[in-house]
């Protein structure tokens, strides 16, 4: 996705911002960040994150040592993925749950290693997690059952489409095929599980629905350009 920017930033004295085209997500990594608007000042730390809409004047500041991951996103992308939750009149602050904390760590890792495309995929995955209900029955089903065997014919029937039309519709919506999306969810979950040294690669592959460890390793390399063991070593370094 073009027009999405990721970077790290620290704040000291108040710095004013106001964009006509991009919303900004502020994700504190350590320390806190103050958000000053016409309604007053709010502080967020590593247990929260904030979305600042376009054409909305604000300042960011902090008196202590701090660092945040900043994501700048075109307004139309935010509205498309968050069901118009952004009203343009105020900031949105969310408390981070365990799912978000895992995604946050992966996002930081991908941005640090300049993997822009992977970071965008994680962002897309996160937005679907944030929504109370994904837009379609079949996507909700995939999110709940991606570790199981899923066939396109059944998914198409959920949307009352033919398999051929469903695949075209899905690719327009998700920017990948249904099978690619299922594997993406599996590999994304694998990256979270690889952070647990108690779990072997073989155990993770079985948990994610791969009948053979070799199949899991091959798919992981396709998405990450390294083996699960190599990825785990990178996380621990």
Protein backbone atom coordinates (compact mmCIF):
# COMPACT_ATOMS: atom_id res chain seq x y z
CA UNK A 1 0.00 0.00 0.00
CA UNK A 2 1.51 3.30 -1.12
CA UNK A 3 1.35 6.39 1.04
CA UNK A 4 1.86 4.64 4.41
CA UNK A 5 4.96 5.70 6.33
CA UNK A 6 6.58 4.12 9.40
CA UNK A 7 9.28 5.76 11.50
CA UNK A 8 10.53 6.11 15.06
CA UNK A 9 10.46 9.45 16.87
CA UNK A 10 11.16 10.97 20.28
CA UNK A 11 9.48 14.10 21.62
CA UNK A 12 10.62 16.87 23.95
CA UNK A 13 9.05 20.31 23.86
CA UNK A 14 5.70 20.77 22.15
CA UNK A 15 5.78 20.27 18.39
CA UNK A 16 2.68 21.23 16.44
CA UNK A 17 1.21 19.09 13.67
CA UNK A 18 -1.78 19.17 11.35
CA UNK A 19 -1.99 17.14 8.14
CA UNK A 20 -4.57 17.57 5.40
CA UNK A 21 -4.01 14.11 3.92
CA UNK A 22 -2.67 11.66 6.53
CA UNK A 23 -3.90 10.41 9.88
CA UNK A 24 -1.19 9.64 12.42
CA UNK A 25 -1.00 6.68 14.79
CA UNK A 26 1.27 7.20 17.81
CA UNK A 27 2.49 3.99 19.46
CA UNK A 28 4.69 4.59 22.54
CA UNK A 29 7.55 2.11 22.89
CA UNK A 30 8.98 3.45 26.14
CA UNK A 31 8.23 6.49 28.24
CA UNK A 32 5.07 8.48 27.71
CA UNK A 33 3.89 10.92 25.05
CA UNK A 34 1.74 13.95 25.77
CA UNK A 35 -0.97 14.84 23.26
CA UNK A 36 -2.07 18.47 23.50
CA UNK A 37 -5.31 19.53 21.79
CA UNK A 38 -7.87 22.28 22.25
CA UNK A 39 -9.58 20.10 24.86
CA UNK A 40 -6.43 19.75 27.00
CA UNK A 41 -3.47 17.39 27.41
CA UNK A 42 -3.59 13.60 27.61
CA UNK A 43 -0.69 11.23 28.19
CA UNK A 44 -0.30 7.78 26.69
CA UNK A 45 2.29 5.11 27.44
CA UNK A 46 3.19 1.65 26.17
CA UNK A 47 -0.17 0.23 27.23
CA UNK A 48 -2.05 2.56 24.84
CA UNK A 49 -1.96 3.98 21.35
CA UNK A 50 -3.57 6.98 19.72
CA UNK A 51 -4.97 7.86 16.31
CA UNK A 52 -4.95 11.53 15.30
CA UNK A 53 -7.23 12.46 12.37
CA UNK A 54 -6.53 14.76 9.44
CA UNK A 55 -7.17 18.51 9.63
CA UNK A 56 -6.98 18.24 13.42
CA UNK A 57 -4.39 20.51 15.11
CA UNK A 58 -2.42 18.94 17.96
CA UNK A 59 0.99 18.96 19.62
CA UNK A 60 3.12 16.06 20.83
CA UNK A 61 5.53 16.44 23.74
CA UNK A 62 7.23 14.70 26.66
CA UNK A 63 9.43 15.71 29.58
CA UNK A 64 11.03 12.27 30.02
CA UNK A 65 13.07 9.91 27.85
CA UNK A 66 10.72 8.43 25.25
CA UNK A 67 10.39 6.81 21.86
CA UNK A 68 7.33 6.06 19.75
CA UNK A 69 6.58 4.27 16.53
CA UNK A 70 4.72 6.67 14.23
CA UNK A 71 2.53 5.48 11.37
CA UNK A 72 1.20 8.00 8.86
CA UNK A 73 -1.77 6.66 6.91
CA UNK A 74 -3.93 8.20 4.16
CA UNK A 75 -7.33 9.23 5.49
CA UNK A 76 -9.26 7.06 3.01
CA UNK A 77 -7.39 3.97 4.23
CA UNK A 78 -8.37 4.67 7.85
CA UNK A 79 -12.02 5.24 6.98
CA UNK A 80 -12.15 2.10 4.86
CA UNK A 81 -10.71 -0.12 7.58
CA UNK A 82 -12.21 1.41 10.73
CA UNK A 83 -15.82 1.74 9.57
CA UNK A 84 -15.77 5.53 9.86
CA UNK A 85 -14.87 5.48 13.57
CA UNK A 86 -12.76 8.58 12.93
CA UNK A 87 -15.00 11.63 13.18
CA UNK A 88 -12.26 14.16 12.45
CA UNK A 89 -13.11 16.13 15.58
CA UNK A 90 -11.00 14.43 18.24
CA UNK A 91 -8.20 11.97 18.87
CA UNK A 92 -8.95 8.30 19.53
CA UNK A 93 -7.06 6.52 22.31
CA UNK A 94 -7.24 2.76 22.78
CA UNK A 95 -5.95 0.53 25.55
CA UNK A 96 -3.72 -2.19 24.14
CA UNK A 97 -4.87 -5.77 24.72
CA UNK A 98 -2.65 -8.86 24.51
CA UNK A 99 -3.34 -9.31 20.78
CA UNK A 100 -2.27 -5.74 20.06
CA UNK A 101 0.87 -6.09 22.19
CA UNK A 102 1.95 -9.08 20.09
CA UNK A 103 1.23 -7.25 16.83
CA UNK A 104 3.01 -4.16 18.15
CA UNK A 105 6.19 -6.14 18.81
CA UNK A 106 6.08 -7.63 15.32
CA UNK A 107 5.45 -4.20 13.79
CA UNK A 108 8.45 -2.72 15.58
CA UNK A 109 10.60 -5.63 14.41
CA UNK A 110 9.55 -5.23 10.76
CA UNK A 111 10.03 -1.45 10.77
CA UNK A 112 13.46 -1.77 12.40
CA UNK A 113 14.47 -4.14 9.59
CA UNK A 114 12.95 -1.89 6.89
CA UNK A 115 10.38 -4.50 5.84
CA UNK A 116 7.74 -2.02 4.68
CA UNK A 117 5.47 -4.52 2.90
CA UNK A 118 5.41 -6.83 5.93
CA UNK A 119 4.62 -3.90 8.20
CA UNK A 120 1.69 -2.89 5.97
CA UNK A 121 0.33 -6.45 6.05
CA UNK A 122 0.53 -6.43 9.85
CA UNK A 123 -1.26 -3.09 9.91
CA UNK A 124 -4.04 -4.48 7.75
CA UNK A 125 -4.30 -7.54 10.01
CA UNK A 126 -4.43 -5.30 13.08
CA UNK A 127 -7.27 -3.19 11.66
CA UNK A 128 -9.33 -6.32 11.06
CA UNK A 129 -8.68 -7.36 14.66
CA UNK A 130 -9.74 -3.93 15.93
CA UNK A 131 -13.09 -3.99 14.19
CA UNK A 132 -15.90 -5.49 16.23
CA UNK A 133 -16.94 -7.56 13.23
CA UNK A 134 -15.06 -7.94 9.95
CA UNK A 135 -17.15 -6.94 6.96
CA UNK A 136 -17.95 -10.43 5.68
CA UNK A 137 -19.07 -13.78 7.01
CA UNK A 138 -16.30 -15.66 5.24
CA UNK A 139 -13.53 -13.45 6.63
CA UNK A 140 -14.91 -13.88 10.14
CA UNK A 141 -14.88 -17.61 9.54
CA UNK A 142 -11.27 -17.55 8.31
CA UNK A 143 -10.18 -15.57 11.38
CA UNK A 144 -11.69 -18.22 13.66
CA UNK A 145 -10.66 -21.34 11.73
CA UNK A 146 -7.44 -20.52 9.85
CA UNK A 147 -5.59 -23.38 11.58
CA UNK A 148 -8.08 -25.86 10.10
CA UNK A 149 -8.63 -27.07 6.55
CA UNK A 150 -10.74 -24.52 4.66
CA UNK A 151 -11.86 -24.87 1.06
CA UNK A 152 -12.74 -21.98 -1.23
CA UNK A 153 -16.05 -23.55 -2.25
CA UNK A 154 -17.33 -23.38 1.34
CA UNK A 155 -16.13 -19.80 1.76
CA UNK A 156 -17.82 -18.78 -1.50
CA UNK A 157 -21.09 -20.36 -0.35
CA UNK A 158 -21.04 -18.22 2.80
CA UNK A 159 -21.11 -15.11 0.60
CA UNK A 160 -23.51 -16.68 -1.95
CA UNK A 161 -20.88 -16.37 -4.68
CA UNK A 162 -19.46 -18.84 -7.16
CA UNK A 163 -15.90 -19.93 -6.25
CA UNK A 164 -14.47 -18.05 -9.24
CA UNK A 165 -16.26 -14.79 -8.44
CA UNK A 166 -15.46 -15.17 -4.74
CA UNK A 167 -11.72 -15.43 -5.43
CA UNK A 168 -11.83 -12.26 -7.55
CA UNK A 169 -13.91 -10.45 -4.91
CA UNK A 170 -11.63 -11.58 -2.09
CA UNK A 171 -8.48 -10.47 -3.89
CA UNK A 172 -9.93 -7.02 -4.56
CA UNK A 173 -10.87 -6.71 -0.91
CA UNK A 174 -7.84 -8.24 0.83
CA UNK A 175 -5.11 -7.73 -1.81
CA UNK A 176 -4.38 -11.48 -1.80
CA UNK A 177 -6.15 -14.75 -2.55
CA UNK A 178 -8.11 -16.64 0.15
CA UNK A 179 -5.39 -19.29 0.41
CA UNK A 180 -2.65 -16.66 0.63
CA UNK A 181 -4.58 -14.91 3.40
CA UNK A 182 -4.99 -18.15 5.36
CA UNK A 183 -1.26 -18.81 5.11
CA UNK A 184 -0.55 -15.19 6.01
CA UNK A 185 -2.59 -15.52 9.22
CA UNK A 186 -0.81 -18.78 10.05
CA UNK A 187 2.65 -17.34 9.47
CA UNK A 188 1.78 -14.19 11.39
CA UNK A 189 0.68 -16.34 14.33
CA UNK A 190 3.82 -18.45 13.94
CA UNK A 191 5.95 -15.33 14.35
CA UNK A 192 4.20 -14.67 17.66
CA UNK A 193 4.61 -18.28 18.85
CA UNK A 194 8.29 -18.36 17.89
CA UNK A 195 8.85 -15.83 20.64
CA UNK A 196 8.11 -18.58 23.16
CA UNK A 197 11.29 -20.68 23.55
CA UNK A 198 9.29 -23.48 25.17
CA UNK A 199 7.54 -24.25 21.87
CA UNK A 200 9.44 -26.27 19.27
CA UNK A 201 9.11 -25.44 15.59
CA UNK A 202 7.45 -28.82 15.07
CA UNK A 203 4.84 -28.08 17.76
CA UNK A 204 4.09 -24.69 16.22
CA UNK A 205 3.66 -26.19 12.76
CA UNK A 206 1.11 -28.71 14.08
CA UNK A 207 -0.76 -26.04 16.05
CA UNK A 208 -1.15 -23.98 12.89
CA UNK A 209 -2.58 -26.81 10.84
CA UNK A 210 0.44 -27.94 8.84
CA UNK A 211 0.51 -31.70 8.48
CA UNK A 212 4.24 -31.75 7.78
CA UNK A 213 6.93 -29.59 9.33
CA UNK A 214 8.60 -29.30 5.92
CA UNK A 215 5.44 -27.69 4.51
CA UNK A 216 5.41 -25.16 7.35
CA UNK A 217 9.09 -24.33 6.86
CA UNK A 218 8.63 -23.92 3.10
CA UNK A 219 5.66 -21.58 3.58
CA UNK A 220 7.43 -19.61 6.31
CA UNK A 221 10.43 -19.08 4.01
CA UNK A 222 8.10 -17.92 1.24
CA UNK A 223 6.69 -15.14 3.42
CA UNK A 224 9.72 -14.30 5.58
CA UNK A 225 12.66 -15.29 3.33
CA UNK A 226 14.18 -17.25 6.21
CA UNK A 227 13.39 -20.42 8.14
CA UNK A 228 11.42 -20.42 11.42
CA UNK A 229 14.61 -21.25 13.32
CA UNK A 230 16.47 -18.38 11.67
CA UNK A 231 13.60 -16.01 12.47
CA UNK A 232 13.61 -17.14 16.11
CA UNK A 233 17.36 -16.52 16.32
CA UNK A 234 16.84 -12.99 14.95
CA UNK A 235 14.19 -12.29 17.60
CA UNK A 236 16.55 -13.40 20.36
CA UNK A 237 19.53 -11.40 19.09
